Amino acid sequence: MKPRFLLTMLAFMAATAPALAEDAEISPATEAFIQQTAMNQAFEIRSGNLALERSGRSDVRQFARKMVDEHRLIGGQFRSKLSFSGIDPSTAEVPLDGIYQAMIDSLETAPNSAFDRLYIAAQSDAHAHMIAIFRDYAQSGSHKGLANFALTTLPQLEEHQAMVKSLNWDVSSSY
């Protein structure tokens, strides 16, 4: 009985090893998706925290709180998906690129009278960018687990974009 169990286990391991190895391979497009997703999550949390500190509008602060909370959740799901797929989650620990860092710098140095307008514009740009990336990767990504993550997360990003669009860009009421 033991030899049969051992043979069954060896057969199972032989059959699943190529699939596990395939999951751990990272194509350049997958690596770019991982880095862009990681940067976006970091940007959403940092910019949201700035808005919680600096915004003079309750609707913008409510939106910022939702972005911080939901992007922390999305980021956790993303790291779990990486780990489950055999990809080291530390590959998603990247500094903000020039565009995201420039938006953070702009928010940090903006006068109070311009902060809400700049934050809303940054959120619109960031969500439009990520929707395009997630839509593209969901359709043509080579890593099935991450493509599925992109597909299932896309509606949430689209909801965030709709929320950004519903914010009134007239900031005359702030400060």
N, C-alpha and C. Protein backbone atom coordinates (compact mmCIF):
# COMPACT_ATOMS: atom_id res chain seq x y z
N MET A 1 0.82 -1.19 0.00
CA MET A 1 0.00 0.00 0.00
C MET A 1 0.87 1.25 0.00
N LYS A 2 1.94 1.26 0.76
CA LYS A 2 2.80 2.43 0.80
C LYS A 2 3.45 2.72 -0.54
N PRO A 3 3.94 1.70 -1.28
CA PRO A 3 4.52 2.01 -2.59
C PRO A 3 3.50 2.65 -3.53
N ARG A 4 2.25 2.19 -3.45
CA ARG A 4 1.21 2.76 -4.32
C ARG A 4 0.98 4.23 -3.97
N PHE A 5 0.91 4.56 -2.68
CA PHE A 5 0.75 5.94 -2.23
C PHE A 5 1.91 6.80 -2.71
N LEU A 6 3.12 6.27 -2.58
CA LEU A 6 4.31 7.00 -3.00
C LEU A 6 4.28 7.25 -4.50
N LEU A 7 3.90 6.24 -5.27
CA LEU A 7 3.82 6.41 -6.72
C LEU A 7 2.74 7.44 -7.09
N THR A 8 1.62 7.40 -6.39
CA THR A 8 0.55 8.37 -6.64
C THR A 8 1.03 9.79 -6.35
N MET A 9 1.73 9.97 -5.24
CA MET A 9 2.26 11.29 -4.88
C MET A 9 3.29 11.77 -5.90
N LEU A 10 4.18 10.89 -6.32
CA LEU A 10 5.18 11.25 -7.32
C LEU A 10 4.52 11.64 -8.64
N ALA A 11 3.49 10.90 -9.03
CA ALA A 11 2.77 11.22 -10.26
C ALA A 11 2.09 12.58 -10.14
N PHE A 12 1.47 12.84 -8.99
CA PHE A 12 0.83 14.14 -8.76
C PHE A 12 1.85 15.27 -8.83
N MET A 13 2.98 15.10 -8.16
CA MET A 13 4.01 16.14 -8.15
C MET A 13 4.56 16.37 -9.55
N ALA A 14 4.74 15.30 -10.31
CA ALA A 14 5.25 15.44 -11.67
C ALA A 14 4.25 16.17 -12.56
N ALA A 15 2.98 15.90 -12.34
CA ALA A 15 1.94 16.54 -13.16
C ALA A 15 1.76 18.01 -12.82
N THR A 16 1.92 18.36 -11.55
CA THR A 16 1.67 19.75 -11.15
C THR A 16 2.91 20.62 -11.15
N ALA A 17 4.08 20.06 -11.15
CA ALA A 17 5.31 20.85 -11.10
C ALA A 17 5.42 21.83 -12.26
N PRO A 18 5.14 21.43 -13.52
CA PRO A 18 5.23 22.41 -14.60
C PRO A 18 4.28 23.58 -14.41
N ALA A 19 3.07 23.33 -13.91
CA ALA A 19 2.10 24.41 -13.68
C ALA A 19 2.60 25.35 -12.60
N LEU A 20 3.17 24.81 -11.53
CA LEU A 20 3.69 25.66 -10.47
C LEU A 20 4.88 26.46 -10.96
N ALA A 21 5.74 25.84 -11.73
CA ALA A 21 6.90 26.56 -12.26
C ALA A 21 6.45 27.65 -13.22
N GLU A 22 5.42 27.35 -14.02
CA GLU A 22 4.91 28.34 -14.96
C GLU A 22 4.36 29.56 -14.23
N ASP A 23 3.65 29.33 -13.11
CA ASP A 23 3.10 30.44 -12.35
C ASP A 23 4.20 31.34 -11.81
N ALA A 24 5.36 30.79 -11.47
CA ALA A 24 6.42 31.57 -10.87
C ALA A 24 7.20 32.38 -11.91
N GLU A 25 7.06 32.04 -13.19
CA GLU A 25 7.75 32.80 -14.22
C GLU A 25 7.07 34.15 -14.38
N ILE A 26 7.88 35.17 -14.57
CA ILE A 26 7.33 36.51 -14.71
C ILE A 26 7.78 37.08 -16.05
N SER A 27 6.83 37.29 -16.94
CA SER A 27 7.13 37.91 -18.23
C SER A 27 7.35 39.41 -18.01
N PRO A 28 7.95 40.08 -18.97
CA PRO A 28 8.10 41.54 -18.84
C PRO A 28 6.77 42.27 -18.67
N ALA A 29 5.73 41.81 -19.36
CA ALA A 29 4.41 42.45 -19.22
C ALA A 29 3.84 42.22 -17.83
N THR A 30 4.05 41.02 -17.29
CA THR A 30 3.57 40.73 -15.93
C THR A 30 4.36 41.54 -14.91
N GLU A 31 5.65 41.63 -15.11
CA GLU A 31 6.45 42.44 -14.20
C GLU A 31 6.00 43.90 -14.22
N ALA A 32 5.71 44.43 -15.40
CA ALA A 32 5.22 45.80 -15.50
C ALA A 32 3.87 45.95 -14.81
N PHE A 33 2.99 44.96 -14.97
CA PHE A 33 1.68 45.00 -14.30
C PHE A 33 1.87 45.00 -12.79
N ILE A 34 2.75 44.15 -12.29
CA ILE A 34 3.02 44.08 -10.85
C ILE A 34 3.52 45.42 -10.34
N GLN A 35 4.47 46.01 -11.04
CA GLN A 35 5.05 47.28 -10.58
C GLN A 35 4.04 48.41 -10.65
N GLN A 36 3.27 48.48 -11.74
CA GLN A 36 2.26 49.55 -11.87
C GLN A 36 1.17 49.41 -10.80
N THR A 37 0.76 48.18 -10.54
CA THR A 37 -0.26 47.95 -9.52
C THR A 37 0.26 48.35 -8.15
N ALA A 38 1.48 47.95 -7.85
CA ALA A 38 2.08 48.29 -6.55
C ALA A 38 2.22 49.80 -6.39
N MET A 39 2.71 50.47 -7.42
CA MET A 39 2.86 51.93 -7.35
C MET A 39 1.52 52.61 -7.16
N ASN A 40 0.50 52.14 -7.89
CA ASN A 40 -0.81 52.75 -7.78
C ASN A 40 -1.38 52.59 -6.38
N GLN A 41 -1.22 51.40 -5.80
CA GLN A 41 -1.75 51.19 -4.45
C GLN A 41 -1.05 52.13 -3.47
N ALA A 42 0.27 52.24 -3.59
CA ALA A 42 1.02 53.14 -2.71
C ALA A 42 0.59 54.59 -2.92
N PHE A 43 0.40 54.98 -4.18
CA PHE A 43 -0.03 56.35 -4.47
C PHE A 43 -1.41 56.63 -3.88
N GLU A 44 -2.34 55.71 -4.07
CA GLU A 44 -3.70 55.91 -3.57
C GLU A 44 -3.71 56.09 -2.05
N ILE A 45 -2.92 55.31 -1.36
CA ILE A 45 -2.88 55.40 0.10
C ILE A 45 -2.20 56.68 0.53
N ARG A 46 -1.06 57.01 -0.07
CA ARG A 46 -0.35 58.25 0.32
C ARG A 46 -1.16 59.49 -0.01
N SER A 47 -1.72 59.55 -1.21
CA SER A 47 -2.49 60.74 -1.58
C SER A 47 -3.77 60.83 -0.77
N GLY A 48 -4.38 59.68 -0.49
CA GLY A 48 -5.58 59.68 0.35
C GLY A 48 -5.30 60.18 1.75
N ASN A 49 -4.18 59.76 2.32
CA ASN A 49 -3.80 60.26 3.65
C ASN A 49 -3.54 61.76 3.63
N LEU A 50 -2.93 62.26 2.56
CA LEU A 50 -2.74 63.70 2.44
C LEU A 50 -4.09 64.42 2.39
N ALA A 51 -5.03 63.86 1.64
CA ALA A 51 -6.36 64.48 1.55
C ALA A 51 -7.08 64.46 2.90
N LEU A 52 -6.90 63.38 3.64
CA LEU A 52 -7.51 63.32 4.98
C LEU A 52 -6.96 64.42 5.89
N GLU A 53 -5.69 64.75 5.70
CA GLU A 53 -5.05 65.80 6.51
C GLU A 53 -5.37 67.20 6.00
N ARG A 54 -5.45 67.37 4.66
CA ARG A 54 -5.44 68.72 4.10
C ARG A 54 -6.73 69.20 3.48
N SER A 55 -7.62 68.30 3.12
CA SER A 55 -8.82 68.73 2.41
C SER A 55 -9.73 69.54 3.31
N GLY A 56 -10.32 70.56 2.72
CA GLY A 56 -11.30 71.38 3.43
C GLY A 56 -12.72 70.95 3.15
N ARG A 57 -12.90 69.90 2.39
CA ARG A 57 -14.23 69.45 1.99
C ARG A 57 -14.53 68.08 2.56
N SER A 58 -15.70 67.95 3.15
CA SER A 58 -16.07 66.67 3.75
C SER A 58 -16.26 65.58 2.69
N ASP A 59 -16.79 65.93 1.50
CA ASP A 59 -16.98 64.91 0.46
C ASP A 59 -15.64 64.38 -0.05
N VAL A 60 -14.65 65.25 -0.14
CA VAL A 60 -13.32 64.83 -0.58
C VAL A 60 -12.67 63.96 0.50
N ARG A 61 -12.84 64.33 1.76
CA ARG A 61 -12.29 63.51 2.85
C ARG A 61 -12.97 62.14 2.90
N GLN A 62 -14.28 62.10 2.68
CA GLN A 62 -15.00 60.81 2.64
C GLN A 62 -14.45 59.93 1.51
N PHE A 63 -14.29 60.54 0.36
CA PHE A 63 -13.74 59.81 -0.78
C PHE A 63 -12.32 59.32 -0.46
N ALA A 64 -11.50 60.19 0.12
CA ALA A 64 -10.12 59.82 0.46
C ALA A 64 -10.09 58.66 1.45
N ARG A 65 -10.97 58.68 2.45
CA ARG A 65 -11.03 57.58 3.42
C ARG A 65 -11.36 56.28 2.70
N LYS A 66 -12.33 56.34 1.79
CA LYS A 66 -12.71 55.14 1.04
C LYS A 66 -11.55 54.65 0.18
N MET A 67 -10.81 55.57 -0.44
CA MET A 67 -9.67 55.17 -1.28
C MET A 67 -8.58 54.52 -0.43
N VAL A 68 -8.27 55.09 0.72
CA VAL A 68 -7.25 54.51 1.60
C VAL A 68 -7.68 53.11 2.02
N ASP A 69 -8.90 52.98 2.49
CA ASP A 69 -9.39 51.68 2.97
C ASP A 69 -9.44 50.64 1.85
N GLU A 70 -10.02 51.01 0.73
CA GLU A 70 -10.20 50.04 -0.35
C GLU A 70 -8.88 49.69 -1.03
N HIS A 71 -7.98 50.66 -1.16
CA HIS A 71 -6.70 50.33 -1.81
C HIS A 71 -5.77 49.56 -0.87
N ARG A 72 -5.94 49.71 0.43
CA ARG A 72 -5.23 48.81 1.36
C ARG A 72 -5.73 47.39 1.17
N LEU A 73 -7.03 47.25 1.04
CA LEU A 73 -7.63 45.93 0.83
C LEU A 73 -7.18 45.35 -0.52
N ILE A 74 -7.25 46.13 -1.57
CA ILE A 74 -6.82 45.67 -2.90
C ILE A 74 -5.34 45.28 -2.85
N GLY A 75 -4.52 46.10 -2.20
CA GLY A 75 -3.09 45.79 -2.08
C GLY A 75 -2.85 44.49 -1.34
N GLY A 76 -3.61 44.24 -0.28
CA GLY A 76 -3.48 42.98 0.45
C GLY A 76 -3.89 41.79 -0.40
N GLN A 77 -4.97 41.94 -1.14
CA GLN A 77 -5.41 40.87 -2.04
C GLN A 77 -4.36 40.63 -3.13
N PHE A 78 -3.77 41.69 -3.61
CA PHE A 78 -2.75 41.59 -4.64
C PHE A 78 -1.52 40.84 -4.13
N ARG A 79 -1.05 41.21 -2.94
CA ARG A 79 0.12 40.51 -2.36
C ARG A 79 -0.21 39.05 -2.09
N SER A 80 -1.42 38.76 -1.66
CA SER A 80 -1.83 37.36 -1.45
C SER A 80 -1.84 36.60 -2.77
N LYS A 81 -2.34 37.23 -3.82
CA LYS A 81 -2.37 36.58 -5.14
C LYS A 81 -0.94 36.32 -5.62
N LEU A 82 -0.04 37.26 -5.39
CA LEU A 82 1.36 37.04 -5.78
C LEU A 82 1.94 35.85 -5.01
N SER A 83 1.76 35.86 -3.72
CA SER A 83 2.31 34.80 -2.88
C SER A 83 1.73 33.44 -3.27
N PHE A 84 0.43 33.37 -3.46
CA PHE A 84 -0.24 32.13 -3.84
C PHE A 84 0.26 31.63 -5.19
N SER A 85 0.65 32.56 -6.06
CA SER A 85 1.12 32.21 -7.40
C SER A 85 2.60 31.85 -7.44
N GLY A 86 3.24 31.89 -6.28
CA GLY A 86 4.66 31.57 -6.23
C GLY A 86 5.56 32.73 -6.59
N ILE A 87 4.99 33.93 -6.62
CA ILE A 87 5.77 35.14 -6.92
C ILE A 87 6.06 35.83 -5.60
N ASP A 88 7.30 36.15 -5.37
CA ASP A 88 7.70 36.82 -4.13
C ASP A 88 6.99 38.17 -4.04
N PRO A 89 6.15 38.38 -3.01
CA PRO A 89 5.45 39.66 -2.88
C PRO A 89 6.37 40.87 -2.79
N SER A 90 7.64 40.65 -2.44
CA SER A 90 8.56 41.79 -2.38
C SER A 90 8.83 42.37 -3.76
N THR A 91 8.47 41.64 -4.84
CA THR A 91 8.61 42.21 -6.18
C THR A 91 7.66 43.38 -6.37
N ALA A 92 6.66 43.48 -5.50
CA ALA A 92 5.69 44.57 -5.57
C ALA A 92 6.09 45.75 -4.67
N GLU A 93 7.26 45.68 -4.08
CA GLU A 93 7.72 46.78 -3.23
C GLU A 93 8.66 47.66 -4.06
N VAL A 94 8.06 48.60 -4.75
CA VAL A 94 8.82 49.48 -5.64
C VAL A 94 8.53 50.93 -5.27
N PRO A 95 9.50 51.80 -5.47
CA PRO A 95 9.24 53.22 -5.20
C PRO A 95 8.31 53.79 -6.28
N LEU A 96 7.67 54.89 -5.95
CA LEU A 96 6.82 55.55 -6.93
C LEU A 96 7.67 56.00 -8.11
N ASP A 97 7.11 55.88 -9.31
CA ASP A 97 7.83 56.37 -10.48
C ASP A 97 7.70 57.88 -10.57
N GLY A 98 8.28 58.46 -11.57
CA GLY A 98 8.31 59.92 -11.72
C GLY A 98 6.93 60.56 -11.73
N ILE A 99 5.98 59.95 -12.42
CA ILE A 99 4.65 60.54 -12.53
C ILE A 99 3.93 60.50 -11.19
N TYR A 100 3.89 59.34 -10.56
CA TYR A 100 3.21 59.24 -9.26
C TYR A 100 3.91 60.11 -8.22
N GLN A 101 5.24 60.12 -8.22
CA GLN A 101 5.96 60.93 -7.25
C GLN A 101 5.71 62.42 -7.49
N ALA A 102 5.64 62.82 -8.75
CA ALA A 102 5.36 64.23 -9.08
C ALA A 102 3.97 64.62 -8.58
N MET A 103 3.00 63.72 -8.69
CA MET A 103 1.66 64.04 -8.19
C MET A 103 1.68 64.17 -6.67
N ILE A 104 2.41 63.29 -5.98
CA ILE A 104 2.52 63.39 -4.52
C ILE A 104 3.21 64.70 -4.15
N ASP A 105 4.30 65.02 -4.83
CA ASP A 105 5.03 66.27 -4.55
C ASP A 105 4.13 67.48 -4.75
N SER A 106 3.33 67.44 -5.81
CA SER A 106 2.41 68.54 -6.10
C SER A 106 1.36 68.68 -4.99
N LEU A 107 0.85 67.56 -4.52
CA LEU A 107 -0.14 67.60 -3.44
C LEU A 107 0.48 68.09 -2.14
N GLU A 108 1.69 67.66 -1.86
CA GLU A 108 2.35 68.06 -0.61
C GLU A 108 2.67 69.55 -0.58
N THR A 109 2.95 70.13 -1.73
CA THR A 109 3.35 71.54 -1.77
C THR A 109 2.24 72.48 -2.22
N ALA A 110 1.08 71.93 -2.55
CA ALA A 110 -0.03 72.76 -3.05
C ALA A 110 -0.52 73.71 -1.96
N PRO A 111 -0.86 74.93 -2.34
CA PRO A 111 -1.52 75.81 -1.37
C PRO A 111 -2.88 75.21 -1.01
N ASN A 112 -3.34 75.51 0.17
CA ASN A 112 -4.63 74.96 0.62
C ASN A 112 -5.75 75.24 -0.36
N SER A 113 -5.72 76.41 -0.98
CA SER A 113 -6.79 76.79 -1.90
C SER A 113 -6.82 75.92 -3.16
N ALA A 114 -5.73 75.26 -3.49
CA ALA A 114 -5.67 74.44 -4.70
C ALA A 114 -5.66 72.94 -4.41
N PHE A 115 -5.55 72.55 -3.14
CA PHE A 115 -5.35 71.15 -2.82
C PHE A 115 -6.47 70.25 -3.35
N ASP A 116 -7.72 70.58 -3.05
CA ASP A 116 -8.83 69.70 -3.45
C ASP A 116 -8.88 69.51 -4.96
N ARG A 117 -8.72 70.61 -5.71
CA ARG A 117 -8.73 70.51 -7.17
C ARG A 117 -7.62 69.60 -7.66
N LEU A 118 -6.41 69.75 -7.11
CA LEU A 118 -5.29 68.91 -7.52
C LEU A 118 -5.48 67.45 -7.12
N TYR A 119 -6.03 67.23 -5.94
CA TYR A 119 -6.28 65.86 -5.49
C TYR A 119 -7.29 65.17 -6.40
N ILE A 120 -8.38 65.85 -6.71
CA ILE A 120 -9.40 65.26 -7.57
C ILE A 120 -8.82 64.98 -8.96
N ALA A 121 -8.04 65.90 -9.49
CA ALA A 121 -7.42 65.68 -10.80
C ALA A 121 -6.45 64.50 -10.76
N ALA A 122 -5.67 64.39 -9.69
CA ALA A 122 -4.72 63.28 -9.56
C ALA A 122 -5.46 61.96 -9.46
N GLN A 123 -6.57 61.94 -8.73
CA GLN A 123 -7.36 60.71 -8.61
C GLN A 123 -7.96 60.32 -9.96
N SER A 124 -8.43 61.29 -10.69
CA SER A 124 -8.99 61.01 -12.01
C SER A 124 -7.93 60.41 -12.92
N ASP A 125 -6.75 61.03 -12.95
CA ASP A 125 -5.65 60.54 -13.79
C ASP A 125 -5.19 59.15 -13.36
N ALA A 126 -5.00 58.95 -12.06
CA ALA A 126 -4.50 57.67 -11.55
C ALA A 126 -5.49 56.54 -11.83
N HIS A 127 -6.78 56.80 -11.62
CA HIS A 127 -7.76 55.74 -11.86
C HIS A 127 -7.91 55.46 -13.35
N ALA A 128 -7.89 56.47 -14.19
CA ALA A 128 -7.97 56.24 -15.64
C ALA A 128 -6.78 55.39 -16.10
N HIS A 129 -5.61 55.70 -15.58
CA HIS A 129 -4.39 54.96 -15.92
C HIS A 129 -4.51 53.50 -15.50
N MET A 130 -4.95 53.27 -14.27
CA MET A 130 -5.03 51.90 -13.77
C MET A 130 -6.16 51.11 -14.44
N ILE A 131 -7.25 51.75 -14.76
CA ILE A 131 -8.32 51.06 -15.48
C ILE A 131 -7.80 50.54 -16.82
N ALA A 132 -7.06 51.37 -17.52
CA ALA A 132 -6.49 50.95 -18.81
C ALA A 132 -5.51 49.78 -18.62
N ILE A 133 -4.66 49.86 -17.62
CA ILE A 133 -3.69 48.79 -17.37
C ILE A 133 -4.40 47.50 -16.96
N PHE A 134 -5.38 47.59 -16.06
CA PHE A 134 -6.09 46.40 -15.60
C PHE A 134 -6.91 45.79 -16.73
N ARG A 135 -7.55 46.63 -17.54
CA ARG A 135 -8.35 46.12 -18.66
C ARG A 135 -7.44 45.38 -19.65
N ASP A 136 -6.31 45.98 -19.96
CA ASP A 136 -5.37 45.35 -20.89
C ASP A 136 -4.83 44.04 -20.33
N TYR A 137 -4.42 44.03 -19.06
CA TYR A 137 -3.86 42.81 -18.50
C TYR A 137 -4.93 41.73 -18.33
N ALA A 138 -6.14 42.11 -18.00
CA ALA A 138 -7.23 41.13 -17.87
C ALA A 138 -7.48 40.44 -19.21
N GLN A 139 -7.31 41.16 -20.30
CA GLN A 139 -7.58 40.60 -21.63
C GLN A 139 -6.39 39.84 -22.20
N SER A 140 -5.17 40.29 -21.90
CA SER A 140 -4.03 39.68 -22.59
C SER A 140 -2.86 39.31 -21.67
N GLY A 141 -3.07 39.37 -20.36
CA GLY A 141 -1.99 39.03 -19.44
C GLY A 141 -1.62 37.56 -19.50
N SER A 142 -0.33 37.28 -19.41
CA SER A 142 0.15 35.91 -19.54
C SER A 142 0.02 35.10 -18.26
N HIS A 143 -0.11 35.77 -17.12
CA HIS A 143 -0.23 35.06 -15.84
C HIS A 143 -1.71 34.97 -15.50
N LYS A 144 -2.27 33.77 -15.57
CA LYS A 144 -3.72 33.59 -15.42
C LYS A 144 -4.24 34.11 -14.09
N GLY A 145 -3.52 33.86 -13.00
CA GLY A 145 -3.97 34.31 -11.68
C GLY A 145 -4.03 35.82 -11.59
N LEU A 146 -3.01 36.50 -12.11
CA LEU A 146 -3.00 37.96 -12.08
C LEU A 146 -3.99 38.55 -13.08
N ALA A 147 -4.18 37.88 -14.22
CA ALA A 147 -5.19 38.35 -15.18
C ALA A 147 -6.58 38.26 -14.55
N ASN A 148 -6.82 37.21 -13.79
CA ASN A 148 -8.10 37.08 -13.09
C ASN A 148 -8.24 38.16 -12.02
N PHE A 149 -7.16 38.44 -11.30
CA PHE A 149 -7.17 39.51 -10.30
C PHE A 149 -7.53 40.84 -10.98
N ALA A 150 -6.90 41.11 -12.12
CA ALA A 150 -7.18 42.35 -12.86
C ALA A 150 -8.65 42.41 -13.26
N LEU A 151 -9.16 41.30 -13.76
CA LEU A 151 -10.56 41.25 -14.21
C LEU A 151 -11.53 41.47 -13.06
N THR A 152 -11.27 40.84 -11.92
CA THR A 152 -12.20 40.97 -10.79
C THR A 152 -12.06 42.29 -10.05
N THR A 153 -10.92 42.95 -10.18
CA THR A 153 -10.70 44.24 -9.51
C THR A 153 -11.16 45.41 -10.38
N LEU A 154 -11.21 45.21 -11.67
CA LEU A 154 -11.57 46.27 -12.61
C LEU A 154 -12.89 46.97 -12.27
N PRO A 155 -13.97 46.27 -11.93
CA PRO A 155 -15.21 46.98 -11.59
C PRO A 155 -15.06 47.92 -10.39
N GLN A 156 -14.24 47.54 -9.44
CA GLN A 156 -14.02 48.40 -8.27
C GLN A 156 -13.28 49.68 -8.69
N LEU A 157 -12.28 49.55 -9.57
CA LEU A 157 -11.57 50.73 -10.06
C LEU A 157 -12.49 51.63 -10.87
N GLU A 158 -13.36 51.01 -11.66
CA GLU A 158 -14.32 51.80 -12.44
C GLU A 158 -15.31 52.52 -11.52
N GLU A 159 -15.69 51.88 -10.44
CA GLU A 159 -16.55 52.53 -9.45
C GLU A 159 -15.83 53.73 -8.83
N HIS A 160 -14.55 53.56 -8.52
CA HIS A 160 -13.76 54.67 -7.96
C HIS A 160 -13.71 55.83 -8.96
N GLN A 161 -13.51 55.52 -10.23
CA GLN A 161 -13.46 56.57 -11.25
C GLN A 161 -14.79 57.31 -11.34
N ALA A 162 -15.89 56.58 -11.25
CA ALA A 162 -17.21 57.23 -11.27
C ALA A 162 -17.38 58.13 -10.05
N MET A 163 -16.87 57.70 -8.90
CA MET A 163 -16.94 58.51 -7.69
C MET A 163 -16.12 59.79 -7.86
N VAL A 164 -14.95 59.68 -8.48
CA VAL A 164 -14.11 60.87 -8.73
C VAL A 164 -14.88 61.85 -9.60
N LYS A 165 -15.50 61.33 -10.65
CA LYS A 165 -16.24 62.19 -11.57
C LYS A 165 -17.42 62.88 -10.89
N SER A 166 -17.96 62.25 -9.86
CA SER A 166 -19.12 62.85 -9.17
C SER A 166 -18.70 63.94 -8.19
N LEU A 167 -17.43 63.99 -7.85
CA LEU A 167 -16.97 65.07 -6.96
C LEU A 167 -17.02 66.39 -7.72
N ASN A 168 -17.53 67.40 -7.08
CA ASN A 168 -17.62 68.71 -7.69
C ASN A 168 -16.23 69.34 -7.75
N TRP A 169 -15.80 69.69 -8.94
CA TRP A 169 -14.45 70.26 -9.11
C TRP A 169 -14.38 71.71 -8.64
N ASP A 170 -15.52 72.32 -8.36
CA ASP A 170 -15.53 73.70 -7.87
C ASP A 170 -15.08 73.68 -6.40
N VAL A 171 -13.91 74.21 -6.17
CA VAL A 171 -13.36 74.16 -4.82
C VAL A 171 -13.50 75.50 -4.10
N SER A 172 -14.40 76.33 -4.56
CA SER A 172 -14.54 77.65 -3.94
C SER A 172 -15.01 77.53 -2.49
N SER A 173 -15.63 76.40 -2.16
CA SER A 173 -16.14 76.24 -0.80
C SER A 173 -15.08 75.75 0.18
N SER A 174 -13.90 75.38 -0.31
CA SER A 174 -12.87 74.85 0.59
C SER A 174 -12.05 76.00 1.18
N TYR A 175 -11.68 75.85 2.42
CA TYR A 175 -10.88 76.81 3.18
C TYR A 175 -11.55 78.14 3.15
